[in-house]
């Protein structure tokens, strides 16, 4: 008679302070979304700074015309 074998074989997972690759995969989507939200918010708050207007905002394809800065003579 065969003894019952477990269907799951448990292995130790490498972790840093109990944060494993499986948990990182779980939190990755949320982290990317929050980072994107923070980046867009920062750009919109800084859009009134002339250097940001000229260097970043005016070079966005499609909507960069809104932030174009006329060059002074």
N, C-alpha and C. Protein backbone atom coordinates (compact mmCIF):
# COMPACT_ATOMS: atom_id res chain seq x y z
N UNK A 1 0.84 -1.17 0.00
CA UNK A 1 0.00 0.00 0.00
C UNK A 1 0.90 1.24 0.00
N UNK A 2 0.59 2.17 -0.90
CA UNK A 2 1.38 3.40 -0.98
C UNK A 2 0.94 4.38 0.09
N UNK A 3 1.90 5.02 0.67
CA UNK A 3 1.55 6.05 1.64
C UNK A 3 1.16 7.32 0.87
N UNK A 4 0.31 8.10 1.44
CA UNK A 4 -0.16 9.32 0.78
C UNK A 4 0.97 10.33 0.69
N UNK A 5 1.20 10.81 -0.50
CA UNK A 5 2.22 11.84 -0.70
C UNK A 5 1.55 13.21 -0.71
N UNK A 6 2.20 14.18 -0.16
CA UNK A 6 1.60 15.52 -0.18
C UNK A 6 1.62 16.08 -1.61
N UNK A 7 0.61 16.82 -1.95
CA UNK A 7 0.52 17.43 -3.27
C UNK A 7 1.40 18.67 -3.36
N UNK A 8 1.69 19.25 -2.25
CA UNK A 8 2.49 20.47 -2.21
C UNK A 8 3.78 20.17 -1.47
N UNK A 9 4.87 20.51 -2.08
CA UNK A 9 6.17 20.36 -1.42
C UNK A 9 6.60 21.75 -0.98
N UNK A 10 6.76 21.93 0.29
CA UNK A 10 7.12 23.23 0.82
C UNK A 10 8.62 23.43 0.74
N UNK A 11 9.02 24.59 0.27
CA UNK A 11 10.43 24.94 0.20
C UNK A 11 10.62 26.31 0.85
N UNK A 12 11.79 26.53 1.36
CA UNK A 12 12.09 27.84 1.93
C UNK A 12 12.26 28.84 0.80
N UNK A 13 11.64 29.99 0.93
CA UNK A 13 11.76 31.05 -0.07
C UNK A 13 12.76 32.08 0.43
N UNK A 14 13.63 32.55 -0.45
CA UNK A 14 14.52 33.63 -0.04
C UNK A 14 13.69 34.88 0.24
N UNK A 15 14.04 35.56 1.31
CA UNK A 15 13.27 36.75 1.66
C UNK A 15 14.17 37.76 2.35
N UNK A 16 13.70 38.99 2.33
CA UNK A 16 14.34 40.07 3.05
C UNK A 16 13.29 40.62 4.00
N UNK A 17 13.50 40.44 5.28
CA UNK A 17 12.53 40.84 6.30
C UNK A 17 11.13 40.31 5.98
N UNK A 18 11.02 39.03 5.63
CA UNK A 18 9.80 38.32 5.30
C UNK A 18 9.11 38.86 4.04
N UNK A 19 9.81 39.61 3.21
CA UNK A 19 9.28 40.10 1.94
C UNK A 19 9.85 39.23 0.84
N UNK A 20 9.02 38.38 0.25
CA UNK A 20 9.46 37.41 -0.74
C UNK A 20 9.16 37.90 -2.15
N UNK A 21 9.64 37.16 -3.15
CA UNK A 21 9.38 37.50 -4.55
C UNK A 21 7.88 37.42 -4.85
N UNK A 22 7.20 36.49 -4.22
CA UNK A 22 5.75 36.36 -4.42
C UNK A 22 5.02 37.61 -3.93
N UNK A 23 5.42 38.11 -2.77
CA UNK A 23 4.81 39.34 -2.26
C UNK A 23 5.18 40.54 -3.11
N UNK A 24 6.40 40.57 -3.62
CA UNK A 24 6.82 41.68 -4.49
C UNK A 24 5.97 41.71 -5.75
N UNK A 25 5.69 40.54 -6.31
CA UNK A 25 4.84 40.46 -7.50
C UNK A 25 3.43 40.96 -7.18
N UNK A 26 2.95 40.66 -6.00
CA UNK A 26 1.61 41.08 -5.57
C UNK A 26 1.53 42.61 -5.45
N UNK A 27 2.57 43.24 -4.91
CA UNK A 27 2.57 44.68 -4.67
C UNK A 27 3.09 45.50 -5.85
N UNK A 28 3.64 44.87 -6.87
CA UNK A 28 4.26 45.60 -7.98
C UNK A 28 3.27 46.50 -8.71
N UNK A 29 2.09 46.00 -9.03
CA UNK A 29 1.10 46.80 -9.77
C UNK A 29 0.71 48.04 -8.98
N UNK A 30 0.46 47.87 -7.71
CA UNK A 30 0.09 49.01 -6.87
C UNK A 30 1.23 50.02 -6.79
N UNK A 31 2.45 49.53 -6.65
CA UNK A 31 3.61 50.42 -6.57
C UNK A 31 3.81 51.21 -7.85
N UNK A 32 3.63 50.56 -8.99
CA UNK A 32 3.78 51.25 -10.27
C UNK A 32 2.71 52.32 -10.42
N UNK A 33 1.48 52.00 -10.04
CA UNK A 33 0.39 52.97 -10.17
C UNK A 33 0.60 54.18 -9.26
N UNK A 34 1.01 53.96 -8.02
CA UNK A 34 1.25 55.08 -7.11
C UNK A 34 2.43 55.93 -7.57
N UNK A 35 3.47 55.30 -8.12
CA UNK A 35 4.62 56.04 -8.62
C UNK A 35 4.21 56.91 -9.81
N UNK A 36 3.42 56.35 -10.71
CA UNK A 36 2.93 57.13 -11.85
C UNK A 36 2.07 58.30 -11.42
N UNK A 37 1.18 58.06 -10.46
CA UNK A 37 0.33 59.12 -9.94
C UNK A 37 1.16 60.23 -9.31
N UNK A 38 2.16 59.86 -8.53
CA UNK A 38 3.02 60.86 -7.88
C UNK A 38 3.81 61.65 -8.91
N UNK A 39 4.30 60.98 -9.96
CA UNK A 39 5.06 61.67 -11.01
C UNK A 39 4.22 62.67 -11.77
N UNK A 40 3.00 62.27 -12.15
CA UNK A 40 2.11 63.18 -12.87
C UNK A 40 1.73 64.36 -11.99
N UNK A 41 1.44 64.10 -10.72
CA UNK A 41 1.09 65.17 -9.79
C UNK A 41 2.25 66.15 -9.64
N UNK A 42 3.46 65.65 -9.49
CA UNK A 42 4.62 66.51 -9.36
C UNK A 42 4.82 67.37 -10.60
N UNK A 43 4.68 66.78 -11.78
CA UNK A 43 4.82 67.56 -13.01
C UNK A 43 3.76 68.64 -13.13
N UNK A 44 2.52 68.32 -12.79
CA UNK A 44 1.47 69.33 -12.89
C UNK A 44 1.65 70.45 -11.86
N UNK A 45 2.14 70.11 -10.67
CA UNK A 45 2.39 71.16 -9.68
C UNK A 45 3.57 72.03 -10.07
N UNK A 46 4.56 71.44 -10.73
CA UNK A 46 5.76 72.18 -11.12
C UNK A 46 5.64 72.79 -12.52
N UNK A 47 4.47 72.66 -13.15
CA UNK A 47 4.33 73.12 -14.53
C UNK A 47 4.41 74.64 -14.68
N UNK A 48 4.32 75.37 -13.60
CA UNK A 48 4.42 76.83 -13.68
C UNK A 48 5.86 77.33 -13.59
N UNK A 49 6.79 76.46 -13.28
CA UNK A 49 8.20 76.83 -13.21
C UNK A 49 8.73 76.89 -14.65
N UNK A 50 9.34 78.02 -15.05
CA UNK A 50 9.77 78.17 -16.45
C UNK A 50 10.70 77.08 -16.95
N UNK A 51 11.62 76.61 -16.12
CA UNK A 51 12.55 75.57 -16.56
C UNK A 51 11.80 74.27 -16.86
N UNK A 52 10.81 73.95 -16.04
CA UNK A 52 10.01 72.74 -16.26
C UNK A 52 9.16 72.89 -17.51
N UNK A 53 8.59 74.07 -17.71
CA UNK A 53 7.79 74.32 -18.92
C UNK A 53 8.62 74.12 -20.17
N UNK A 54 9.80 74.74 -20.20
CA UNK A 54 10.65 74.71 -21.39
C UNK A 54 11.29 73.34 -21.59
N UNK A 55 11.78 72.73 -20.53
CA UNK A 55 12.56 71.51 -20.65
C UNK A 55 11.77 70.22 -20.72
N UNK A 56 10.61 70.18 -20.07
CA UNK A 56 9.86 68.91 -20.00
C UNK A 56 8.48 69.03 -20.63
N UNK A 57 7.68 69.95 -20.10
CA UNK A 57 6.27 69.99 -20.48
C UNK A 57 6.05 70.33 -21.95
N UNK A 58 6.84 71.24 -22.51
CA UNK A 58 6.63 71.64 -23.91
C UNK A 58 7.07 70.56 -24.89
N UNK A 59 7.77 69.53 -24.43
CA UNK A 59 8.26 68.47 -25.31
C UNK A 59 7.37 67.22 -25.29
N UNK A 60 6.24 67.27 -24.58
CA UNK A 60 5.33 66.13 -24.54
C UNK A 60 4.57 66.08 -25.87
N UNK A 61 4.63 64.95 -26.58
CA UNK A 61 3.94 64.87 -27.87
C UNK A 61 2.42 65.03 -27.71
N UNK A 62 1.84 65.81 -28.59
CA UNK A 62 0.39 65.97 -28.59
C UNK A 62 -0.11 67.12 -27.75
N UNK A 63 0.32 67.24 -26.52
CA UNK A 63 -0.19 68.30 -25.64
C UNK A 63 0.88 69.30 -25.25
N UNK A 64 2.07 69.17 -25.81
CA UNK A 64 3.16 70.07 -25.46
C UNK A 64 2.95 71.51 -25.91
N UNK A 65 2.10 71.70 -26.93
CA UNK A 65 1.82 73.06 -27.42
C UNK A 65 1.18 73.93 -26.34
N UNK A 66 0.47 73.32 -25.42
CA UNK A 66 -0.18 74.07 -24.35
C UNK A 66 0.84 74.79 -23.47
N UNK A 67 2.01 74.21 -23.29
CA UNK A 67 3.03 74.77 -22.40
C UNK A 67 4.16 75.46 -23.15
N UNK A 68 4.02 75.69 -24.45
CA UNK A 68 5.09 76.34 -25.22
C UNK A 68 5.38 77.71 -24.62
N UNK A 69 6.66 78.02 -24.49
CA UNK A 69 7.09 79.31 -23.95
C UNK A 69 7.66 80.12 -25.11
N UNK A 70 7.14 81.32 -25.30
CA UNK A 70 7.66 82.19 -26.34
C UNK A 70 9.03 82.70 -25.91
N UNK A 71 9.99 82.62 -26.82
CA UNK A 71 11.33 83.08 -26.49
C UNK A 71 11.38 84.60 -26.52
N UNK A 72 12.07 85.16 -25.53
CA UNK A 72 12.19 86.62 -25.44
C UNK A 72 13.31 87.09 -26.34
N UNK A 73 13.15 88.30 -26.90
CA UNK A 73 14.19 88.87 -27.77
C UNK A 73 15.27 89.54 -26.97
